[in-house]
Protein backbone atom coordinates (compact mmCIF):
# COMPACT_ATOMS: atom_id res chain seq x y z
CA MET A 1 20.20 -35.10 61.54
CA SER A 2 20.46 -33.21 64.95
CA PRO A 3 18.13 -30.01 64.63
CA SER A 4 21.68 -27.82 64.99
CA GLY A 5 22.56 -29.77 61.84
CA LEU A 6 19.37 -29.14 60.24
CA ALA A 7 19.44 -25.42 61.06
CA LEU A 8 23.09 -25.12 60.14
CA ALA A 9 21.98 -26.58 56.42
CA ILE A 10 19.27 -23.97 56.18
CA SER A 11 21.27 -21.22 57.04
CA GLY A 12 23.64 -22.25 54.29
CA LEU A 13 21.61 -22.44 51.50
CA LEU A 14 20.07 -19.33 52.71
CA CYS A 15 23.58 -17.58 52.41
CA THR A 16 24.31 -19.23 48.85
CA PRO A 17 23.87 -16.80 45.90
CA ILE A 18 21.29 -18.06 43.46
CA LEU A 19 22.82 -18.27 39.88
CA ALA A 20 20.68 -15.60 38.35
CA VAL A 21 18.64 -16.74 35.21
CA ILE A 22 18.75 -13.36 33.61
CA SER A 23 22.21 -12.53 34.17
CA PRO A 24 22.96 -8.47 34.37
CA LYS A 25 24.21 -7.82 31.19
CA VAL A 26 20.91 -9.12 29.76
CA GLN A 27 19.16 -7.09 32.31
CA ASN A 28 21.31 -3.94 30.99
CA TYR A 29 20.62 -4.75 27.40
CA THR A 30 17.19 -4.89 27.65
CA LEU A 31 16.74 -2.05 29.87
CA THR A 32 19.08 0.01 27.22
CA ALA A 33 16.55 -1.34 24.10
CA ILE A 34 13.39 -0.30 26.00
CA GLU A 35 15.26 3.42 26.64
CA TYR A 36 16.14 3.88 23.14
CA LEU A 37 12.61 2.47 21.77
CA SER A 38 11.18 4.81 24.31
CA GLU A 39 13.49 7.89 23.23
CA LEU A 40 11.99 7.06 19.58
CA HIS A 41 8.60 6.54 20.21
CA ILE A 42 6.12 9.83 19.93
CA ASP A 43 3.20 9.00 21.72
CA ARG A 44 3.01 7.54 25.24
CA PHE A 45 5.16 4.63 25.41
CA GLU A 46 3.37 1.46 27.11
CA CYS A 47 4.88 -1.88 27.81
CA ILE A 48 3.37 -4.72 28.76
CA PHE A 49 5.52 -7.77 30.71
CA CYS A 50 4.49 -10.98 30.59
CA ASP A 51 5.63 -13.90 33.16
CA VAL A 52 4.71 -17.22 32.05
CA SER A 53 7.16 -18.87 34.49
CA GLY A 54 4.71 -20.58 36.17
CA GLY A 55 5.67 -19.00 39.62
CA THR A 56 8.75 -20.28 40.25
CA HIS A 57 11.87 -18.71 41.75
CA PHE A 58 13.32 -17.44 38.27
CA ASP A 59 10.89 -14.47 38.59
CA TYR A 60 12.89 -12.58 40.60
CA ASP A 61 15.06 -11.60 38.02
CA PHE A 62 12.30 -10.47 36.14
CA GLN A 63 10.76 -8.58 38.73
CA GLU A 64 13.84 -6.57 39.27
CA LEU A 65 13.81 -5.83 35.78
CA ILE A 66 10.39 -4.41 35.85
CA GLN A 67 11.43 -2.54 39.15
CA SER A 68 14.13 -0.92 37.66
CA PRO A 69 14.57 2.99 38.15
CA ARG A 70 15.35 3.36 34.25
CA LEU A 71 11.72 2.24 33.59
CA ASP A 72 10.44 4.80 35.66
CA SER A 73 9.16 6.94 32.83
CA ILE A 74 6.98 4.63 30.84
CA ALA A 75 3.69 3.02 31.08
CA LYS A 76 4.02 -0.59 32.20
CA TYR A 77 1.58 -3.48 32.23
CA VAL A 78 2.22 -6.24 34.16
CA ILE A 79 0.42 -10.05 34.17
CA ASN A 80 1.21 -13.19 34.29
CA ASP A 81 -0.27 -16.89 33.32
CA SER A 82 -2.31 -17.26 36.12
CA SER A 83 -4.14 -14.10 35.11
CA LEU A 84 -7.75 -14.48 34.65
CA LEU A 85 -8.04 -11.48 31.41
CA SER A 86 -11.26 -10.83 29.89
CA HIS A 87 -11.44 -9.63 26.17
CA ARG A 88 -8.08 -7.28 25.98
CA ALA A 89 -8.53 -6.99 29.67
CA GLY A 90 -8.10 -3.14 29.34
CA LEU A 91 -4.48 -3.68 27.36
CA PRO A 92 -3.52 -1.33 24.89
CA TRP A 93 -4.30 -2.86 21.31
CA PHE A 94 -0.81 -1.56 19.98
CA PRO A 95 1.74 -1.29 22.50
CA ALA A 96 5.30 -0.13 22.06
CA LEU A 97 6.58 -3.33 23.35
CA VAL A 98 6.02 -6.51 24.63
CA VAL A 99 8.39 -8.58 26.88
CA PHE A 100 7.65 -12.15 27.90
CA ASN A 101 9.79 -14.06 30.59
CA VAL A 102 9.55 -17.96 29.37
CA HIS A 103 11.88 -19.69 32.26
CA ALA A 104 9.73 -22.77 32.93
CA GLU A 105 9.56 -26.09 31.35
CA LYS A 106 6.06 -26.10 30.64
CA VAL A 107 3.68 -23.29 30.24
CA TYR A 108 0.42 -22.45 29.76
CA PHE A 109 -0.97 -19.27 28.52
CA ASN A 110 -4.05 -18.46 26.57
CA THR A 111 -3.42 -15.99 23.52
CA ASP A 112 -7.36 -15.83 22.82
CA GLN A 113 -7.21 -13.15 25.81
CA PHE A 114 -4.04 -11.45 24.51
CA GLU A 115 -4.98 -9.71 21.49
CA ILE A 116 -2.72 -7.06 20.02
CA ASN A 117 -1.62 -5.67 16.64
CA PRO A 118 0.52 -8.28 14.60
CA HIS A 119 3.02 -5.18 14.15
CA THR A 120 3.89 -5.34 17.96
CA ARG A 121 7.39 -5.31 19.00
CA ILE A 122 7.52 -8.67 21.08
CA LEU A 123 10.88 -9.50 22.83
CA ILE A 124 10.87 -13.25 24.83
CA LEU A 125 13.57 -13.68 27.43
CA PHE A 126 14.39 -17.54 27.88
CA GLU A 127 16.70 -20.03 29.01
CA LEU A 128 18.05 -22.86 26.96
CA ASP A 129 16.73 -25.40 29.51
CA SER A 130 12.89 -23.93 28.79
CA MET A 131 13.45 -24.06 24.79
CA TYR A 132 10.45 -26.36 24.72
CA SER A 133 8.29 -23.65 26.25
CA VAL A 134 9.65 -21.12 23.82
CA VAL A 135 8.60 -23.47 21.27
CA VAL A 136 5.08 -24.05 22.85
CA THR A 137 4.74 -20.35 23.30
CA LEU A 138 5.40 -19.36 19.40
CA ARG A 139 3.17 -21.67 18.27
CA ALA A 140 0.30 -20.24 20.51
CA PHE A 141 1.30 -17.06 19.24
CA PHE A 142 1.23 -17.61 15.45
CA LEU A 143 -1.50 -19.86 15.99
CA GLY A 144 -4.15 -17.02 14.88
CA THR A 145 -1.93 -14.17 14.33
CA HIS A 146 1.13 -13.84 12.26
CA PHE A 147 3.79 -11.57 14.13
CA THR A 148 6.12 -9.47 12.10
CA ARG A 149 8.40 -8.13 15.04
CA MET A 150 9.73 -11.03 17.39
CA ILE A 151 12.90 -11.87 18.82
CA CYS A 152 13.98 -14.44 21.42
CA LEU A 153 16.83 -13.71 23.97
CA GLU A 154 18.75 -16.28 25.66
CA SER A 155 19.02 -14.66 29.25
CA THR A 156 22.44 -16.23 30.04
CA ASP A 157 24.84 -15.99 27.18
CA MET A 158 22.65 -13.05 25.41
CA VAL A 159 22.28 -14.91 22.04
CA PHE A 160 19.55 -13.50 19.51
CA ILE A 161 17.35 -15.44 17.80
CA ARG A 162 15.36 -14.07 15.08
CA VAL A 163 11.58 -15.46 14.69
CA GLY A 164 10.33 -16.00 11.11
CA PHE A 165 6.69 -17.14 9.77
CA ASN A 166 5.04 -19.31 11.48
CA GLY A 167 7.16 -19.30 14.25
CA THR A 168 10.44 -20.60 12.99
CA PHE A 169 13.85 -19.84 14.00
CA ASP A 170 15.47 -17.51 10.97
CA SER A 171 19.04 -17.10 12.56
CA PHE A 172 21.22 -17.16 15.81
CA LEU A 173 23.12 -14.09 16.36
CA GLY A 174 25.68 -13.01 18.64
CA TYR A 175 25.02 -9.13 19.00
CA LEU A 176 22.57 -6.84 17.92
CA GLU A 177 22.42 -3.20 18.25
CA PRO A 178 18.51 -1.85 19.89
CA SER A 179 18.21 -0.38 16.35
CA GLU A 180 18.41 -3.57 14.72
CA LEU A 181 16.55 -5.67 16.83
CA PHE A 182 12.92 -5.37 15.48
CA LYS A 183 13.18 -6.09 11.79
CA ASN A 184 9.64 -6.62 9.91
CA ILE A 185 9.86 -10.04 8.15
CA LEU A 186 7.11 -8.59 5.52
CA TYR A 187 10.17 -6.91 3.86
CA ASP A 188 11.60 -10.42 2.55
CA MET A 189 8.67 -12.66 2.39
CA GLY A 190 11.02 -15.00 0.54
CA GLY A 191 8.47 -15.36 -2.15
CA ARG A 192 5.98 -16.33 -0.35
CA THR A 193 2.09 -16.84 -1.95
CA ILE A 194 -0.56 -14.27 -0.94
CA GLY A 195 -3.82 -15.92 -1.60
CA TYR A 196 -6.95 -14.02 -2.61
CA SER A 197 -10.73 -14.94 -3.77
CA GLY A 198 -13.72 -12.76 -4.58
CA SER A 199 -17.65 -12.93 -4.79
CA ALA A 200 -17.05 -12.16 -8.86
CA ARG A 201 -14.65 -11.82 -10.93
CA VAL A 202 -11.25 -10.49 -9.50
CA SER A 203 -10.72 -7.45 -11.45
CA PRO A 204 -7.19 -6.30 -13.27
CA LYS A 205 -6.91 -3.68 -10.94
CA HIS A 206 -7.15 -5.36 -7.78
CA MET A 207 -4.94 -7.94 -9.06
CA ASN A 208 -2.51 -5.49 -10.03
CA TRP A 209 -2.98 -3.61 -6.74
CA MET A 210 -1.76 -7.17 -4.95
CA LYS A 211 1.07 -8.13 -7.30
CA GLU A 212 2.16 -4.13 -7.36
CA THR A 213 2.53 -4.49 -3.39
CA ALA A 214 5.39 -6.58 -3.17
CA CYS A 215 7.26 -4.13 -5.46
CA LEU A 216 9.71 -1.32 -4.20
CA PHE A 217 9.50 2.08 -5.80
CA SER A 218 13.43 2.97 -5.76
CA ASN A 219 13.27 6.62 -7.27
CA ASP A 220 11.77 5.98 -10.26
CA PRO A 221 11.89 9.21 -12.29
CA THR A 222 8.54 9.17 -14.20
CA LEU A 223 6.54 7.81 -11.09
CA LEU A 224 8.19 10.57 -9.15
CA VAL A 225 7.04 13.16 -11.28
CA ILE A 226 3.63 11.91 -11.73
CA CYS A 227 2.71 10.15 -8.91
CA GLY A 228 4.74 12.19 -6.32
CA PHE A 229 6.71 8.69 -5.35
CA GLU A 230 9.79 9.54 -2.77
CA ARG A 231 9.21 13.77 -3.48
CA HIS A 232 11.09 13.85 -0.11
CA SER A 233 14.35 12.59 -1.98
CA LEU A 234 14.29 14.87 -5.01
CA HIS A 235 17.48 16.48 -4.48
CA THR A 236 19.28 13.11 -4.69
CA ALA A 237 18.23 12.72 -8.41
CA ASP A 238 21.51 12.57 -10.95
CA VAL A 239 21.40 14.78 -14.25
CA LYS A 240 19.62 12.53 -16.11
CA GLU A 241 16.67 12.32 -13.91
CA LYS A 242 16.48 15.95 -13.68
CA LEU A 243 16.48 16.15 -17.54
CA LEU A 244 13.57 14.14 -17.76
CA PHE A 245 11.29 15.77 -14.83
CA LEU A 246 12.45 19.38 -16.99
CA SER A 247 10.82 17.69 -20.05
CA LEU A 248 7.91 15.92 -18.69
CA ILE A 249 6.87 19.11 -17.19
CA ILE A 250 7.48 21.26 -20.16
CA PHE A 251 5.80 18.67 -21.89
CA PHE A 252 2.59 18.83 -19.68
CA PHE A 253 2.54 21.85 -19.45
CA LEU A 254 1.94 22.96 -22.88
CA MET A 255 -0.12 20.26 -23.92
CA THR A 256 -2.67 21.15 -20.89
CA ASN A 257 -2.43 25.10 -21.60
CA ALA A 258 -1.76 25.19 -25.65
CA TYR A 259 -3.97 22.15 -27.01
CA GLU A 260 -6.70 20.94 -24.24
CA THR A 261 -9.45 23.41 -25.74
CA ARG A 262 -8.73 22.31 -29.32
CA ILE A 263 -8.41 18.73 -28.59
CA ILE A 264 -11.89 19.06 -26.63
CA SER A 265 -13.52 20.82 -29.35
CA PHE A 266 -12.52 18.14 -31.69
CA MET A 267 -14.26 15.69 -29.26
CA ILE A 268 -17.26 17.05 -28.53
CA GLU A 269 -20.53 18.42 -29.99
CA LYS A 270 -23.30 20.60 -28.94
CA PRO A 271 -26.15 18.66 -27.41
CA SER A 272 -29.36 18.21 -29.72
CA ILE A 273 -31.47 18.17 -26.81
CA HIS A 274 -31.84 20.05 -23.35
CA LYS A 275 -29.09 18.42 -20.70
CA ILE A 276 -30.52 16.64 -17.50
CA ARG A 277 -28.24 17.71 -14.97
CA THR A 278 -29.90 17.13 -11.63
CA LEU A 279 -32.27 14.07 -10.36
CA GLN A 280 -35.21 16.32 -10.04
CA GLU A 281 -34.81 17.09 -13.56
CA LEU A 282 -34.83 13.50 -14.47
CA ILE A 283 -37.92 12.83 -12.72
CA GLU A 284 -39.53 15.79 -14.30
CA SER A 285 -37.99 14.78 -17.91
CA GLY A 286 -40.54 11.60 -18.21
CA LEU A 287 -38.03 9.18 -18.96
CA ARG A 288 -37.93 6.01 -17.27
CA LEU A 289 -35.57 4.56 -14.71
CA ALA A 290 -33.86 0.84 -15.72
CA ALA A 291 -32.47 -0.21 -12.33
CA GLU A 292 -32.18 -3.97 -10.82
CA LYS A 293 -34.70 -4.39 -8.04
CA VAL A 294 -32.78 -7.54 -6.34
CA SER A 295 -30.03 -5.21 -5.54
CA LYS A 296 -31.62 -1.89 -5.51
CA ILE A 297 -34.24 -2.50 -2.89
CA ALA A 298 -33.83 1.13 -1.57
CA LEU A 299 -34.28 2.57 -4.68
CA PHE A 300 -37.75 1.25 -5.61
CA ASN A 301 -38.88 1.93 -2.25
CA ASP A 302 -38.02 5.38 -2.63
CA PRO A 303 -41.06 7.70 -3.18
CA ARG A 304 -39.30 10.28 -5.63
CA PHE A 305 -39.07 7.56 -8.10
CA SER A 306 -42.40 5.78 -8.17
CA GLY A 307 -43.93 5.11 -11.30
CA MET A 308 -41.11 5.52 -13.32
CA LEU A 309 -38.94 2.48 -12.47
CA LEU A 310 -37.91 -0.18 -14.45
CA ASP A 311 -36.94 -3.80 -13.23
CA ILE A 312 -34.20 -5.09 -15.41
CA SER A 313 -33.02 -7.65 -12.88
CA ASN A 314 -33.29 -10.62 -15.84
CA HIS A 315 -31.66 -8.11 -18.73
CA SER A 316 -27.94 -7.53 -18.74
CA VAL A 317 -27.38 -3.55 -18.64
CA ASP A 318 -24.06 -3.67 -21.01
CA ASN A 319 -26.21 -2.80 -23.94
CA LEU A 320 -28.36 0.18 -23.12
CA ASP A 321 -31.27 0.16 -25.39
CA GLY A 322 -31.28 4.38 -25.88
CA ILE A 323 -34.50 4.94 -24.69
CA ASN A 324 -34.50 4.63 -20.58
CA ALA A 325 -32.38 6.22 -17.96
CA PHE A 326 -30.07 3.36 -16.14
CA TYR A 327 -29.32 3.67 -12.43
CA GLY A 328 -26.07 1.67 -11.04
CA PRO A 329 -22.57 2.38 -9.56
CA SER A 330 -20.67 5.40 -10.91
CA SER A 331 -17.45 3.23 -11.77
CA TYR A 332 -19.98 0.62 -13.85
CA MET A 333 -21.24 2.95 -15.46
CA GLU A 334 -18.82 5.14 -16.37
CA ASP A 335 -17.30 1.51 -18.27
CA ARG A 336 -20.64 0.85 -19.84
CA ILE A 337 -21.03 4.20 -21.58
CA ARG A 338 -17.59 3.73 -23.29
CA MET A 339 -18.53 0.62 -24.84
CA PRO A 340 -18.83 0.68 -28.56
CA VAL A 341 -22.36 -0.48 -28.06
CA ASN A 342 -23.42 2.07 -26.30
CA TYR A 343 -22.00 5.07 -28.60
CA ASP A 344 -23.97 7.06 -31.14
CA TYR A 345 -21.90 6.91 -34.25
CA LYS A 346 -24.48 9.26 -36.18
CA ARG A 347 -23.55 12.03 -34.06
CA ARG A 348 -20.02 11.00 -33.13
CA ARG A 349 -20.59 11.17 -29.31
CA PRO A 350 -21.58 8.83 -26.69
CA ALA A 351 -24.97 7.85 -26.12
CA TYR A 352 -25.45 8.56 -22.66
CA TYR A 353 -23.56 10.54 -19.99
CA ILE A 354 -23.61 10.53 -16.34
CA LEU A 355 -25.27 13.08 -14.20
CA ASP A 356 -22.95 15.35 -11.56
CA GLU A 357 -25.47 14.78 -8.80
CA THR A 358 -25.69 11.20 -6.63
CA ASN A 359 -28.00 9.14 -5.24
CA GLY A 360 -26.07 7.72 -2.16
CA MET A 361 -22.75 6.41 -1.59
CA ALA A 362 -21.65 2.78 -0.99
CA VAL A 363 -18.46 2.04 1.03
CA CYS A 364 -16.34 -0.72 -0.54
CA LEU A 365 -14.97 -3.13 1.51
CA TYR A 366 -12.00 -5.86 1.20
CA TRP A 367 -12.13 -8.62 3.85
CA LEU A 368 -8.95 -9.36 5.54
CA PRO A 369 -8.71 -11.62 8.62
CA LEU A 370 -8.68 -9.90 12.00
CA TYR A 371 -4.96 -9.85 12.83
CA ASP A 372 -3.71 -9.99 9.39
CA SER A 373 0.03 -8.63 9.12
CA LEU A 374 -0.30 -7.39 5.47
CA MET A 375 -3.78 -5.31 6.34
CA GLU A 376 -1.92 -2.02 6.82
CA MET A 377 0.46 -2.82 4.10
CA PHE A 378 -2.36 -3.12 1.92
CA TYR A 379 -3.90 -0.10 3.34
CA TYR A 380 -0.88 1.94 2.32
CA THR A 381 -0.31 0.90 -0.89
CA GLU A 382 -3.89 1.29 -1.96
CA ARG A 383 -4.09 4.96 -0.94
CA ILE A 384 -0.41 5.28 -2.48
CA PHE A 385 -2.05 3.86 -5.78
CA PHE A 386 -5.18 5.52 -5.68
CA GLU A 387 -3.22 8.90 -5.21
CA ALA A 388 -1.10 8.10 -8.21
CA GLY A 389 -3.95 7.45 -10.42
CA LEU A 390 -2.82 3.62 -11.15
CA LEU A 391 -6.00 2.19 -9.84
CA THR A 392 -7.91 4.30 -12.28
CA LYS A 393 -5.19 3.80 -15.30
CA TRP A 394 -5.86 -0.16 -14.59
CA THR A 395 -9.36 0.41 -14.61
CA ARG A 396 -9.37 1.66 -17.76
CA ASP A 397 -7.34 -0.77 -19.10
CA ASP A 398 -9.70 -3.36 -18.15
CA SER A 399 -12.59 -1.71 -19.72
CA ARG A 400 -10.46 -0.90 -23.21
CA ASN A 401 -9.55 -4.68 -23.30
CA PHE A 402 -13.06 -5.67 -22.86
CA SER A 403 -14.51 -3.05 -25.28
CA SER A 404 -12.17 -4.27 -27.85
CA TYR A 405 -13.45 -7.74 -27.27
CA GLN A 406 -16.66 -6.44 -27.86
CA VAL A 407 -15.80 -5.13 -30.98
CA ARG A 408 -14.17 -7.99 -32.22
CA LEU A 409 -17.70 -9.62 -31.28
CA LEU A 410 -19.90 -7.20 -33.16
CA ARG A 411 -18.23 -7.60 -36.23
CA ARG A 412 -18.66 -11.22 -36.28
CA ARG A 413 -22.15 -10.13 -36.55
CA ASP A 414 -21.46 -7.68 -39.62
CA LEU A 415 -22.19 -4.51 -37.70
CA ASN A 416 -20.84 -1.97 -40.01
CA PHE A 417 -18.09 0.19 -38.27
CA ALA A 418 -17.23 2.75 -40.71
CA ASP A 419 -18.24 5.46 -38.56
CA PHE A 420 -16.26 4.01 -35.66
CA GLN A 421 -12.93 5.36 -37.55
CA ASP A 422 -14.23 9.08 -37.20
CA ARG A 423 -13.82 8.83 -33.64
CA LEU A 424 -10.42 10.92 -32.53
CA GLY A 425 -7.92 8.77 -30.75
CA PHE A 426 -4.30 9.01 -29.91
CA ASP A 427 -3.07 7.48 -32.95
CA ASP A 428 -4.95 10.26 -34.82
CA MET A 429 -2.05 12.40 -33.41
CA LEU A 430 0.90 10.78 -34.97
CA PRO A 431 1.39 13.09 -37.92
CA ALA A 432 1.56 15.81 -35.48
CA TRP A 433 4.20 13.98 -33.79
CA ILE A 434 5.86 12.79 -36.63
CA ALA A 435 5.95 16.60 -37.85
CA ILE A 436 7.21 17.92 -34.06
CA GLY A 437 10.14 15.10 -34.41
CA VAL A 438 10.88 16.20 -37.48
CA GLY A 439 11.30 19.77 -36.94
CA LEU A 440 13.34 19.34 -33.68
CA VAL A 441 15.72 16.99 -35.86
CA ALA A 442 16.06 19.51 -38.46
CA GLY A 443 16.61 22.53 -36.16
CA TRP A 444 18.99 20.48 -33.81
CA LEU A 445 21.07 19.62 -37.53
CA VAL A 446 20.97 23.65 -38.24
CA PHE A 447 22.21 24.74 -35.27
CA VAL A 448 24.81 22.02 -35.41
CA GLY A 449 25.89 23.21 -39.00
CA GLU A 450 25.85 26.75 -38.15
CA LEU A 451 28.02 26.36 -35.46
CA ILE A 452 30.54 24.31 -37.60
CA LEU A 453 30.20 26.82 -40.71
CA PHE A 454 30.71 29.70 -37.88
CA ARG A 455 34.07 27.87 -36.65
CA CYS A 456 35.31 27.12 -40.26
CA PHE A 457 34.70 30.97 -41.20
CA SER A 458 36.66 31.79 -37.81
CA MET A 459 39.59 30.27 -38.52
CA TYR A 460 39.46 30.81 -42.08
CA ASP A 461 39.68 34.88 -41.09
CA LYS A 462 42.45 34.07 -38.66
CA THR A 463 44.73 32.54 -41.26
CA LYS A 464 43.57 35.14 -43.87
CA ASP A 465 44.84 37.55 -41.02
CA VAL A 466 47.93 35.85 -40.44
CA GLY A 467 48.85 35.61 -44.55
CA SER A 468 48.43 39.32 -44.93
CA LYS A 469 50.48 40.91 -42.09
CA VAL A 470 53.25 43.33 -43.54
CA TRP A 471 56.74 42.84 -42.31
CA VAL A 472 58.58 45.63 -41.79
CA LEU A 473 62.86 45.59 -41.31
């Protein structure tokens, strides 16, 4: 080819417009979605733009998207697949949005250096010819983290693909509003199991916590009054719910104010000896303090308790001996002192009590994967169940079941439980409840009878007046 012909061919190629891989309508939709999210975002809106196209000529459309004047008010982090990132690399842990440009036949993106919150919104712009790269990218992302808000957007014809669990494609949609773009897939887990394990027996409290996490509280009137769920929608309650609210409020008010002192007086007696209230009084009392040295090394190294400690590492502390004081976690010891074997039937009171003063505090930990998408949900439900008192209730139920089992076991050993029936229980109030119920029913019957009699007498008086009228012509 002659030099003039070659120059003409090059000029023609330069003047020929290149078909945009990211079409104008997709660019406009992406910018609109970012603007919508930035308006709803309270804190600083941080957006990460990542180009994994391998440095091809398709990068121009993505660069045009990044440099749009409509995004001048947001914080942008721009990286590509050739960036050598250190751990976290100064990127935000929980950005408002991450936009990926996947327009290459093969991508090699290392997600180990790209660690973000699993609930981060992720938008992947791709072309149909690069579908293999999209699948590879999703597998790389879901290898260590289960992201919950990820969607793929075809950059030519604007087809939306929702990404489900393990990087699978859930649905193909023709259009989505920006408000419906990022939905959390945890709201519909499709019956997937949640595995758990423990170093010891998993208590019913924790089992119920994990099971109830998957349940939804939808305007439950009892939980609303007692626990405080959905208090913001109290005005939407119907007539039946409001009647239930009022009856519960009146019932608990009367019980706690009118009968609390009398009920407590039946359940307690004046102690026969001086009550120890502080650790210093315990040290000065001369009692020995029993504890497990294997797990309480710090206690045995404490000079304040030197000479009074008793190692019971090889013995169970379920059956308290009634002679020594015992040391242990508050929740554990609360269950132990309620056990039937630790009850003083002669004095009809628990043989042990717990000091108000504590000796240190231990923090309970639940081990979850580093980037587990269920972590925030479990944190929220545990806080809600704790504030509602459900965790305490489940613990008491477990303790009650264990105590019932122990009672049956001790009865097999011919232990006399005649005095056990003298303990005041909720069933002992059954006659009072029957009397209240009968009184209410009788009162309603009398009230209805009075209304009927009043109506009958009124009709009789009207009939009598009509019959006694004198007509004068």
